[in-house]
């Protein structure tokens, strides 16, 4: 049986269509893994279709994961800013080349 994490209102939306979805609620440890899987799933969809809406799904899953882990938003922002100052962002578009294949 295939299972995947879906947004909270999806079962109700399916019921409104007249279908009877088979759903269960994941425990915290399983939800942590499912959210990480959802982030990867949505990132792959974004990679292949480039649709900005996939970024919304990625952000929603990240926010849910941070909430589940009781991560302090201020600490996350501090870590992000510290990394930005130390290593920069991704705005210039540098692509690092490795010449391992050249002899």
Protein backbone atom coordinates (compact mmCIF):
# COMPACT_ATOMS: atom_id res chain seq x y z
CA UNK A 1 0.00 0.00 0.00
CA UNK A 2 1.34 3.40 -0.98
CA UNK A 3 1.09 6.20 1.53
CA UNK A 4 2.03 9.85 1.39
CA UNK A 5 1.67 12.87 3.59
CA UNK A 6 -1.01 15.27 2.38
CA UNK A 7 -2.18 18.70 3.47
CA UNK A 8 -4.62 18.78 6.40
CA UNK A 9 -7.74 19.58 4.38
CA UNK A 10 -7.21 17.03 1.60
CA UNK A 11 -9.26 14.26 3.27
CA UNK A 12 -12.23 16.67 3.65
CA UNK A 13 -11.87 17.80 0.04
CA UNK A 14 -11.94 14.15 -1.08
CA UNK A 15 -15.02 13.50 1.08
CA UNK A 16 -16.77 16.55 -0.43
CA UNK A 17 -16.27 14.91 -3.84
CA UNK A 18 -18.15 11.87 -2.53
CA UNK A 19 -15.15 9.59 -2.05
CA UNK A 20 -14.04 7.91 1.17
CA UNK A 21 -10.29 8.45 1.68
CA UNK A 22 -8.28 5.97 3.71
CA UNK A 23 -6.28 8.12 6.11
CA UNK A 24 -4.47 7.80 9.40
CA UNK A 25 -2.61 10.24 11.60
CA UNK A 26 1.16 9.86 11.89
CA UNK A 27 2.91 10.04 15.24
CA UNK A 28 5.58 12.70 15.86
CA UNK A 29 8.60 10.53 14.97
CA UNK A 30 6.98 9.26 11.79
CA UNK A 31 5.75 12.76 10.92
CA UNK A 32 9.32 14.05 11.14
CA UNK A 33 10.39 11.53 8.50
CA UNK A 34 7.29 12.11 6.36
CA UNK A 35 7.87 15.86 6.34
CA UNK A 36 11.48 15.37 5.25
CA UNK A 37 10.26 13.04 2.50
CA UNK A 38 7.64 15.63 1.48
CA UNK A 39 10.34 18.30 1.18
CA UNK A 40 12.36 16.04 -1.13
CA UNK A 41 9.24 15.08 -3.13
CA UNK A 42 8.23 18.70 -3.66
CA UNK A 43 11.83 19.71 -4.45
CA UNK A 44 11.97 17.04 -7.17
CA UNK A 45 8.68 18.29 -8.60
CA UNK A 46 10.09 21.83 -8.61
CA UNK A 47 13.27 20.61 -10.30
CA UNK A 48 11.33 19.01 -13.12
CA UNK A 49 8.53 21.51 -13.68
CA UNK A 50 9.93 24.78 -12.29
CA UNK A 51 6.48 25.76 -10.97
CA UNK A 52 6.83 28.34 -8.19
CA UNK A 53 3.81 26.78 -6.46
CA UNK A 54 6.06 23.85 -5.51
CA UNK A 55 8.14 26.31 -3.47
CA UNK A 56 5.00 27.07 -1.45
CA UNK A 57 4.64 23.35 -0.66
CA UNK A 58 8.31 23.10 0.26
CA UNK A 59 8.03 26.11 2.58
CA UNK A 60 4.87 24.72 4.19
CA UNK A 61 6.59 21.39 4.87
CA UNK A 62 9.68 23.15 6.25
CA UNK A 63 7.52 25.31 8.53
CA UNK A 64 5.64 22.23 9.80
CA UNK A 65 8.93 20.41 10.43
CA UNK A 66 10.38 23.36 12.35
CA UNK A 67 7.19 23.57 14.44
CA UNK A 68 7.24 19.81 15.09
CA UNK A 69 10.85 20.05 16.24
CA UNK A 70 10.01 23.12 18.34
CA UNK A 71 12.75 25.05 16.56
CA UNK A 72 13.07 28.67 17.61
CA UNK A 73 12.38 30.85 14.54
CA UNK A 74 14.78 33.51 15.83
CA UNK A 75 17.56 30.94 16.17
CA UNK A 76 16.88 29.61 12.67
CA UNK A 77 17.06 33.16 11.29
CA UNK A 78 20.28 33.79 13.23
CA UNK A 79 21.83 30.62 11.78
CA UNK A 80 20.67 31.61 8.28
CA UNK A 81 22.10 35.11 8.65
CA UNK A 82 25.39 33.85 10.12
CA UNK A 83 25.83 31.45 7.22
CA UNK A 84 24.97 34.22 4.78
CA UNK A 85 27.66 36.47 6.27
CA UNK A 86 30.28 33.71 6.43
CA UNK A 87 29.64 31.97 3.11
CA UNK A 88 27.36 34.26 1.13
CA UNK A 89 24.06 33.51 -0.54
CA UNK A 90 23.17 32.18 -3.96
CA UNK A 91 22.39 35.45 -5.74
CA UNK A 92 25.47 35.78 -7.97
CA UNK A 93 25.15 32.32 -9.46
CA UNK A 94 28.68 30.98 -9.13
CA UNK A 95 29.05 27.43 -10.46
CA UNK A 96 32.05 25.59 -9.05
CA UNK A 97 33.82 23.43 -11.60
CA UNK A 98 35.69 20.29 -10.76
CA UNK A 99 38.17 19.05 -13.31
CA UNK A 100 38.42 15.45 -12.10
CA UNK A 101 37.74 14.08 -15.58
CA UNK A 102 40.65 15.96 -17.16
CA UNK A 103 44.03 14.27 -17.32
